[in-house]
């Protein structure tokens, strides 16, 4: 019974990591498209979006997909997407 729970936990963790890994590039593309449309943002907001976008990509490349999705989510929130 305990072995079954351990297997389930490992499988769930693996699936979640893979799902988040695929989510990051989609978020980055959305952010890039929104930036290309020249959104009506203050200079401070634009700087924040660019910072979170860069941070999200770096975290994605480092394999920290949950943190990447979080950073990219902050950028998307500022952009209203």
PDB file of N, CA and C in Angstrom:
ATOM      1  N   UNK A   1       0.825  -1.191   0.000  1.00  0.00           N
ATOM      2  CA  UNK A   1       0.000   0.000   0.000  1.00  0.00           C
ATOM      3  C   UNK A   1       0.872   1.258   0.000  1.00  0.00           C
ATOM      4  N   UNK A   2       1.909   1.338   0.829  1.00  0.00           N
ATOM      5  CA  UNK A   2       2.773   2.507   0.880  1.00  0.00           C
ATOM      6  C   UNK A   2       3.547   2.684  -0.413  1.00  0.00           C
ATOM      7  N   UNK A   3       3.956   1.573  -1.024  1.00  0.00           N
ATOM      8  CA  UNK A   3       4.680   1.638  -2.289  1.00  0.00           C
ATOM      9  C   UNK A   3       3.795   2.255  -3.367  1.00  0.00           C
ATOM     10  N   UNK A   4       2.540   1.943  -3.338  1.00  0.00           N
ATOM     11  CA  UNK A   4       1.589   2.490  -4.313  1.00  0.00           C
ATOM     12  C   UNK A   4       1.487   4.013  -4.151  1.00  0.00           C
ATOM     13  N   UNK A   5       1.454   4.495  -2.918  1.00  0.00           N
ATOM     14  CA  UNK A   5       1.382   5.935  -2.656  1.00  0.00           C
ATOM     15  C   UNK A   5       2.656   6.639  -3.117  1.00  0.00           C
ATOM     16  N   UNK A   6       3.796   6.008  -2.884  1.00  0.00           N
ATOM     17  CA  UNK A   6       5.068   6.583  -3.320  1.00  0.00           C
ATOM     18  C   UNK A   6       5.105   6.671  -4.846  1.00  0.00           C
ATOM     19  N   UNK A   7       4.701   5.607  -5.510  1.00  0.00           N
ATOM     20  CA  UNK A   7       4.678   5.599  -6.970  1.00  0.00           C
ATOM     21  C   UNK A   7       3.753   6.689  -7.497  1.00  0.00           C
ATOM     22  N   UNK A   8       2.583   6.835  -6.897  1.00  0.00           N
ATOM     23  CA  UNK A   8       1.624   7.847  -7.320  1.00  0.00           C
ATOM     24  C   UNK A   8       2.206   9.252  -7.131  1.00  0.00           C
ATOM     25  N   UNK A   9       2.865   9.484  -6.017  1.00  0.00           N
ATOM     26  CA  UNK A   9       3.464  10.791  -5.755  1.00  0.00           C
ATOM     27  C   UNK A   9       4.555  11.118  -6.775  1.00  0.00           C
ATOM     28  N   UNK A  10       5.387  10.144  -7.094  1.00  0.00           N
ATOM     29  CA  UNK A  10       6.453  10.355  -8.077  1.00  0.00           C
ATOM     30  C   UNK A  10       5.858  10.616  -9.458  1.00  0.00           C
ATOM     31  N   UNK A  11       4.862   9.856  -9.816  1.00  0.00           N
ATOM     32  CA  UNK A  11       4.221  10.032 -11.122  1.00  0.00           C
ATOM     33  C   UNK A  11       3.573  11.410 -11.222  1.00  0.00           C
ATOM     34  N   UNK A  12       2.913  11.838 -10.168  1.00  0.00           N
ATOM     35  CA  UNK A  12       2.265  13.143 -10.165  1.00  0.00           C
ATOM     36  C   UNK A  12       3.292  14.266 -10.262  1.00  0.00           C
ATOM     37  N   UNK A  13       4.377  14.155  -9.529  1.00  0.00           N
ATOM     38  CA  UNK A  13       5.431  15.172  -9.576  1.00  0.00           C
ATOM     39  C   UNK A  13       6.046  15.251 -10.966  1.00  0.00           C
ATOM     40  N   UNK A  14       6.268  14.121 -11.575  1.00  0.00           N
ATOM     41  CA  UNK A  14       6.851  14.083 -12.914  1.00  0.00           C
ATOM     42  C   UNK A  14       5.908  14.719 -13.926  1.00  0.00           C
ATOM     43  N   UNK A  15       4.642  14.355 -13.862  1.00  0.00           N
ATOM     44  CA  UNK A  15       3.652  14.892 -14.789  1.00  0.00           C
ATOM     45  C   UNK A  15       3.532  16.399 -14.636  1.00  0.00           C
ATOM     46  N   UNK A  16       3.489  16.891 -13.404  1.00  0.00           N
ATOM     47  CA  UNK A  16       3.362  18.322 -13.145  1.00  0.00           C
ATOM     48  C   UNK A  16       4.552  19.073 -13.704  1.00  0.00           C
ATOM     49  N   UNK A  17       5.751  18.544 -13.499  1.00  0.00           N
ATOM     50  CA  UNK A  17       6.962  19.190 -13.997  1.00  0.00           C
ATOM     51  C   UNK A  17       6.950  19.271 -15.518  1.00  0.00           C
ATOM     52  N   UNK A  18       6.556  18.192 -16.173  1.00  0.00           N
ATOM     53  CA  UNK A  18       6.505  18.162 -17.633  1.00  0.00           C
ATOM     54  C   UNK A  18       5.450  19.138 -18.138  1.00  0.00           C
ATOM     55  N   UNK A  19       4.312  19.194 -17.487  1.00  0.00           N
ATOM     56  CA  UNK A  19       3.240  20.101 -17.906  1.00  0.00           C
ATOM     57  C   UNK A  19       3.682  21.550 -17.792  1.00  0.00           C
ATOM     58  N   UNK A  20       4.339  21.888 -16.703  1.00  0.00           N
ATOM     59  CA  UNK A  20       4.810  23.256 -16.520  1.00  0.00           C
ATOM     60  C   UNK A  20       5.911  23.599 -17.509  1.00  0.00           C
ATOM     61  N   UNK A  21       6.763  22.649 -17.825  1.00  0.00           N
ATOM     62  CA  UNK A  21       7.854  22.890 -18.770  1.00  0.00           C
ATOM     63  C   UNK A  21       7.306  23.294 -20.123  1.00  0.00           C
ATOM     64  N   UNK A  22       6.201  22.703 -20.528  1.00  0.00           N
ATOM     65  CA  UNK A  22       5.600  23.033 -21.813  1.00  0.00           C
ATOM     66  C   UNK A  22       4.819  24.334 -21.786  1.00  0.00           C
ATOM     67  N   UNK A  23       4.455  24.778 -20.598  1.00  0.00           N
ATOM     68  CA  UNK A  23       3.660  25.988 -20.444  1.00  0.00           C
ATOM     69  C   UNK A  23       4.519  27.237 -20.603  1.00  0.00           C
ATOM     70  N   UNK A  24       5.751  27.195 -20.154  1.00  0.00           N
ATOM     71  CA  UNK A  24       6.634  28.370 -20.153  1.00  0.00           C
ATOM     72  C   UNK A  24       6.809  28.975 -21.549  1.00  0.00           C
ATOM     73  N   UNK A  25       7.163  28.184 -22.563  1.00  0.00           N
ATOM     74  CA  UNK A  25       7.348  28.768 -23.894  1.00  0.00           C
ATOM     75  C   UNK A  25       6.067  29.422 -24.434  1.00  0.00           C
ATOM     76  N   UNK A  26       4.922  28.858 -24.124  1.00  0.00           N
ATOM     77  CA  UNK A  26       3.662  29.465 -24.572  1.00  0.00           C
ATOM     78  C   UNK A  26       3.458  30.823 -23.910  1.00  0.00           C
ATOM     79  N   UNK A  27       3.759  30.900 -22.615  1.00  0.00           N
ATOM     80  CA  UNK A  27       3.639  32.173 -21.906  1.00  0.00           C
ATOM     81  C   UNK A  27       4.603  33.205 -22.483  1.00  0.00           C
ATOM     82  N   UNK A  28       5.825  32.795 -22.764  1.00  0.00           N
ATOM     83  CA  UNK A  28       6.810  33.720 -23.319  1.00  0.00           C
ATOM     84  C   UNK A  28       6.351  34.247 -24.681  1.00  0.00           C
ATOM     85  N   UNK A  29       5.780  33.395 -25.505  1.00  0.00           N
ATOM     86  CA  UNK A  29       5.274  33.829 -26.813  1.00  0.00           C
ATOM     87  C   UNK A  29       4.129  34.828 -26.657  1.00  0.00           C
ATOM     88  N   UNK A  30       3.241  34.583 -25.695  1.00  0.00           N
ATOM     89  CA  UNK A  30       2.137  35.513 -25.444  1.00  0.00           C
ATOM     90  C   UNK A  30       2.663  36.880 -25.023  1.00  0.00           C
ATOM     91  N   UNK A  31       3.642  36.875 -24.139  1.00  0.00           N
ATOM     92  CA  UNK A  31       4.232  38.122 -23.656  1.00  0.00           C
ATOM     93  C   UNK A  31       4.921  38.850 -24.801  1.00  0.00           C
ATOM     94  N   UNK A  32       5.687  38.124 -25.599  1.00  0.00           N
ATOM     95  CA  UNK A  32       6.389  38.736 -26.727  1.00  0.00           C
ATOM     96  C   UNK A  32       5.403  39.354 -27.721  1.00  0.00           C
ATOM     97  N   UNK A  33       4.307  38.654 -27.988  1.00  0.00           N
ATOM     98  CA  UNK A  33       3.291  39.174 -28.916  1.00  0.00           C
ATOM     99  C   UNK A  33       2.646  40.439 -28.356  1.00  0.00           C
ATOM    100  N   UNK A  34       2.368  40.436 -27.069  1.00  0.00           N
ATOM    101  CA  UNK A  34       1.762  41.610 -26.440  1.00  0.00           C
ATOM    102  C   UNK A  34       2.731  42.799 -26.472  1.00  0.00           C
ATOM    103  N   UNK A  35       4.009  42.537 -26.237  1.00  0.00           N
ATOM    104  CA  UNK A  35       5.006  43.606 -26.291  1.00  0.00           C
ATOM    105  C   UNK A  35       5.165  44.150 -27.707  1.00  0.00           C
ATOM    106  N   UNK A  36       5.093  43.277 -28.696  1.00  0.00           N
ATOM    107  CA  UNK A  36       5.217  43.699 -30.094  1.00  0.00           C
ATOM    108  C   UNK A  36       4.067  44.612 -30.504  1.00  0.00           C
ATOM    109  N   UNK A  37       2.919  44.467 -29.840  1.00  0.00           N
ATOM    110  CA  UNK A  37       1.755  45.298 -30.134  1.00  0.00           C
ATOM    111  C   UNK A  37       1.858  46.668 -29.464  1.00  0.00           C
ATOM    112  N   UNK A  38       2.964  46.934 -28.812  1.00  0.00           N
ATOM    113  CA  UNK A  38       3.231  48.198 -28.127  1.00  0.00           C
ATOM    114  C   UNK A  38       2.086  48.595 -27.188  1.00  0.00           C
ATOM    115  N   UNK A  39       1.949  47.847 -26.102  1.00  0.00           N
ATOM    116  CA  UNK A  39       0.852  48.128 -25.167  1.00  0.00           C
ATOM    117  C   UNK A  39       1.022  49.490 -24.495  1.00  0.00           C
ATOM    118  N   UNK A  40      -0.076  50.029 -24.032  1.00  0.00           N
ATOM    119  CA  UNK A  40      -0.067  51.325 -23.365  1.00  0.00           C
ATOM    120  C   UNK A  40       0.343  51.131 -21.906  1.00  0.00           C
ATOM    121  N   UNK A  41       1.651  51.090 -21.674  1.00  0.00           N
ATOM    122  CA  UNK A  41       2.200  50.897 -20.330  1.00  0.00           C
ATOM    123  C   UNK A  41       3.122  52.052 -19.988  1.00  0.00           C
ATOM    124  N   UNK A  42       3.252  52.304 -18.698  1.00  0.00           N
ATOM    125  CA  UNK A  42       4.243  53.285 -18.265  1.00  0.00           C
ATOM    126  C   UNK A  42       5.631  52.683 -18.452  1.00  0.00           C
ATOM    127  N   UNK A  43       6.646  53.519 -18.403  1.00  0.00           N
ATOM    128  CA  UNK A  43       8.017  53.039 -18.534  1.00  0.00           C
ATOM    129  C   UNK A  43       8.335  52.052 -17.415  1.00  0.00           C
ATOM    130  N   UNK A  44       7.808  52.311 -16.232  1.00  0.00           N
ATOM    131  CA  UNK A  44       8.042  51.419 -15.085  1.00  0.00           C
ATOM    132  C   UNK A  44       7.385  50.057 -15.318  1.00  0.00           C
ATOM    133  N   UNK A  45       6.158  50.061 -15.812  1.00  0.00           N
ATOM    134  CA  UNK A  45       5.457  48.805 -16.092  1.00  0.00           C
ATOM    135  C   UNK A  45       6.178  48.016 -17.183  1.00  0.00           C
ATOM    136  N   UNK A  46       6.612  48.703 -18.224  1.00  0.00           N
ATOM    137  CA  UNK A  46       7.326  48.041 -19.315  1.00  0.00           C
ATOM    138  C   UNK A  46       8.617  47.405 -18.804  1.00  0.00           C
ATOM    139  N   UNK A  47       9.319  48.107 -17.943  1.00  0.00           N
ATOM    140  CA  UNK A  47      10.558  47.572 -17.361  1.00  0.00           C
ATOM    141  C   UNK A  47      10.258  46.334 -16.518  1.00  0.00           C
ATOM    142  N   UNK A  48       9.164  46.378 -15.763  1.00  0.00           N
ATOM    143  CA  UNK A  48       8.785  45.218 -14.947  1.00  0.00           C
ATOM    144  C   UNK A  48       8.446  44.015 -15.814  1.00  0.00           C
ATOM    145  N   UNK A  49       7.683  44.246 -16.876  1.00  0.00           N
ATOM    146  CA  UNK A  49       7.317  43.158 -17.781  1.00  0.00           C
ATOM    147  C   UNK A  49       8.566  42.522 -18.367  1.00  0.00           C
ATOM    148  N   UNK A  50       9.487  43.346 -18.831  1.00  0.00           N
ATOM    149  CA  UNK A  50      10.722  42.829 -19.433  1.00  0.00           C
ATOM    150  C   UNK A  50      11.557  42.070 -18.404  1.00  0.00           C
ATOM    151  N   UNK A  51      11.581  42.570 -17.160  1.00  0.00           N
ATOM    152  CA  UNK A  51      12.323  41.901 -16.092  1.00  0.00           C
ATOM    153  C   UNK A  51      11.721  40.524 -15.808  1.00  0.00           C
ATOM    154  N   UNK A  52      10.392  40.461 -15.638  1.00  0.00           N
ATOM    155  CA  UNK A  52       9.735  39.188 -15.356  1.00  0.00           C
ATOM    156  C   UNK A  52       9.848  38.223 -16.530  1.00  0.00           C
ATOM    157  N   UNK A  53       9.808  38.746 -17.745  1.00  0.00           N
ATOM    158  CA  UNK A  53       9.933  37.908 -18.944  1.00  0.00           C
ATOM    159  C   UNK A  53      11.314  37.261 -18.980  1.00  0.00           C
ATOM    160  N   UNK A  54      12.352  38.061 -18.733  1.00  0.00           N
ATOM    161  CA  UNK A  54      13.730  37.550 -18.730  1.00  0.00           C
ATOM    162  C   UNK A  54      13.939  36.567 -17.581  1.00  0.00           C
ATOM    163  N   UNK A  55      13.400  36.902 -16.416  1.00  0.00           N
ATOM    164  CA  UNK A  55      13.510  36.020 -15.250  1.00  0.00           C
ATOM    165  C   UNK A  55      12.816  34.684 -15.525  1.00  0.00           C
ATOM    166  N   UNK A  56      11.644  34.742 -16.136  1.00  0.00           N
ATOM    167  CA  UNK A  56      10.901  33.527 -16.454  1.00  0.00           C
ATOM    168  C   UNK A  56      11.661  32.633 -17.418  1.00  0.00           C
ATOM    169  N   UNK A  57      12.278  33.225 -18.425  1.00  0.00           N
ATOM    170  CA  UNK A  57      13.050  32.431 -19.381  1.00  0.00           C
ATOM    171  C   UNK A  57      14.262  31.794 -18.714  1.00  0.00           C
ATOM    172  N   UNK A  58      14.957  32.559 -17.873  1.00  0.00           N
ATOM    173  CA  UNK A  58      16.133  32.032 -17.173  1.00  0.00           C
ATOM    174  C   UNK A  58      15.741  30.874 -16.255  1.00  0.00           C
ATOM    175  N   UNK A  59      14.638  31.027 -15.544  1.00  0.00           N
ATOM    176  CA  UNK A  59      14.173  29.961 -14.652  1.00  0.00           C
ATOM    177  C   UNK A  59      13.766  28.728 -15.452  1.00  0.00           C
ATOM    178  N   UNK A  60      13.120  28.939 -16.589  1.00  0.00           N
ATOM    179  CA  UNK A  60      12.735  27.820 -17.464  1.00  0.00           C
ATOM    180  C   UNK A  60      13.972  27.050 -17.907  1.00  0.00           C
ATOM    181  N   UNK A  61      14.989  27.770 -18.344  1.00  0.00           N
ATOM    182  CA  UNK A  61      16.219  27.123 -18.810  1.00  0.00           C
ATOM    183  C   UNK A  61      16.930  26.392 -17.679  1.00  0.00           C
ATOM    184  N   UNK A  62      16.728  26.867 -16.447  1.00  0.00           N
ATOM    185  CA  UNK A  62      17.338  26.234 -15.276  1.00  0.00           C
ATOM    186  C   UNK A  62      16.513  25.056 -14.770  1.00  0.00           C
ATOM    187  N   UNK A  63      15.383  24.790 -15.424  1.00  0.00           N
ATOM    188  CA  UNK A  63      14.542  23.665 -15.017  1.00  0.00           C
ATOM    189  C   UNK A  63      13.605  23.972 -13.864  1.00  0.00           C
ATOM    190  N   UNK A  64      13.491  25.239 -13.505  1.00  0.00           N
ATOM    191  CA  UNK A  64      12.628  25.651 -12.398  1.00  0.00           C
ATOM    192  C   UNK A  64      11.303  26.150 -12.981  1.00  0.00           C
ATOM    193  N   UNK A  65      10.515  25.216 -13.486  1.00  0.00           N
ATOM    194  CA  UNK A  65       9.343  25.571 -14.266  1.00  0.00           C
ATOM    195  C   UNK A  65       8.223  26.195 -13.446  1.00  0.00           C
ATOM    196  N   UNK A  66       8.034  25.757 -12.238  1.00  0.00           N
ATOM    197  CA  UNK A  66       7.008  26.367 -11.395  1.00  0.00           C
ATOM    198  C   UNK A  66       7.312  27.832 -11.131  1.00  0.00           C
ATOM    199  N   UNK A  67       8.576  28.119 -10.835  1.00  0.00           N
ATOM    200  CA  UNK A  67       8.990  29.496 -10.594  1.00  0.00           C
ATOM    201  C   UNK A  67       8.925  30.313 -11.885  1.00  0.00           C
ATOM    202  N   UNK A  68       9.228  29.667 -13.004  1.00  0.00           N
ATOM    203  CA  UNK A  68       9.157  30.336 -14.296  1.00  0.00           C
ATOM    204  C   UNK A  68       7.728  30.752 -14.606  1.00  0.00           C
ATOM    205  N   UNK A  69       6.794  29.851 -14.422  1.00  0.00           N
ATOM    206  CA  UNK A  69       5.382  30.152 -14.678  1.00  0.00           C
ATOM    207  C   UNK A  69       4.928  31.301 -13.779  1.00  0.00           C
ATOM    208  N   UNK A  70       5.399  31.322 -12.552  1.00  0.00           N
ATOM    209  CA  UNK A  70       5.034  32.390 -11.623  1.00  0.00           C
ATOM    210  C   UNK A  70       5.549  33.749 -12.113  1.00  0.00           C
ATOM    211  N   UNK A  71       6.819  33.815 -12.515  1.00  0.00           N
ATOM    212  CA  UNK A  71       7.397  35.066 -13.001  1.00  0.00           C
ATOM    213  C   UNK A  71       6.703  35.525 -14.282  1.00  0.00           C
ATOM    214  N   UNK A  72       6.490  34.592 -15.195  1.00  0.00           N
ATOM    215  CA  UNK A  72       5.814  34.938 -16.447  1.00  0.00           C
ATOM    216  C   UNK A  72       4.378  35.371 -16.193  1.00  0.00           C
ATOM    217  N   UNK A  73       3.744  34.801 -15.182  1.00  0.00           N
ATOM    218  CA  UNK A  73       2.394  35.197 -14.811  1.00  0.00           C
ATOM    219  C   UNK A  73       2.328  36.637 -14.336  1.00  0.00           C
ATOM    220  N   UNK A  74       3.369  37.070 -13.641  1.00  0.00           N
ATOM    221  CA  UNK A  74       3.426  38.468 -13.198  1.00  0.00           C
ATOM    222  C   UNK A  74       3.506  39.398 -14.397  1.00  0.00           C
ATOM    223  N   UNK A  75       4.317  39.022 -15.395  1.00  0.00           N
ATOM    224  CA  UNK A  75       4.427  39.831 -16.607  1.00  0.00           C
ATOM    225  C   UNK A  75       3.083  39.884 -17.329  1.00  0.00           C
ATOM    226  N   UNK A  76       2.429  38.741 -17.429  1.00  0.00           N
ATOM    227  CA  UNK A  76       1.143  38.667 -18.114  1.00  0.00           C
ATOM    228  C   UNK A  76       0.086  39.510 -17.376  1.00  0.00           C
ATOM    229  N   UNK A  77       0.135  39.513 -16.053  1.00  0.00           N
ATOM    230  CA  UNK A  77      -0.832  40.299 -15.282  1.00  0.00           C
ATOM    231  C   UNK A  77      -0.660  41.782 -15.566  1.00  0.00           C
ATOM    232  N   UNK A  78       0.559  42.242 -15.634  1.00  0.00           N
ATOM    233  CA  UNK A  78       0.812  43.655 -15.932  1.00  0.00           C
ATOM    234  C   UNK A  78       0.305  44.006 -17.326  1.00  0.00           C
ATOM    235  N   UNK A  79       0.494  43.060 -18.259  1.00  0.00           N
ATOM    236  CA  UNK A  79       0.039  43.271 -19.634  1.00  0.00           C
ATOM    237  C   UNK A  79      -1.469  43.094 -19.784  1.00  0.00           C
ATOM    238  N   UNK A  80      -2.106  42.498 -18.808  1.00  0.00           N
ATOM    239  CA  UNK A  80      -3.547  42.268 -18.875  1.00  0.00           C
ATOM    240  C   UNK A  80      -3.925  41.090 -19.746  1.00  0.00           C
ATOM    241  N   UNK A  81      -3.019  40.099 -19.820  1.00  0.00           N
ATOM    242  CA  UNK A  81      -3.307  38.890 -20.617  1.00  0.00           C
ATOM    243  C   UNK A  81      -3.310  37.673 -19.729  1.00  0.00           C
TER     244      UNK A  81
END
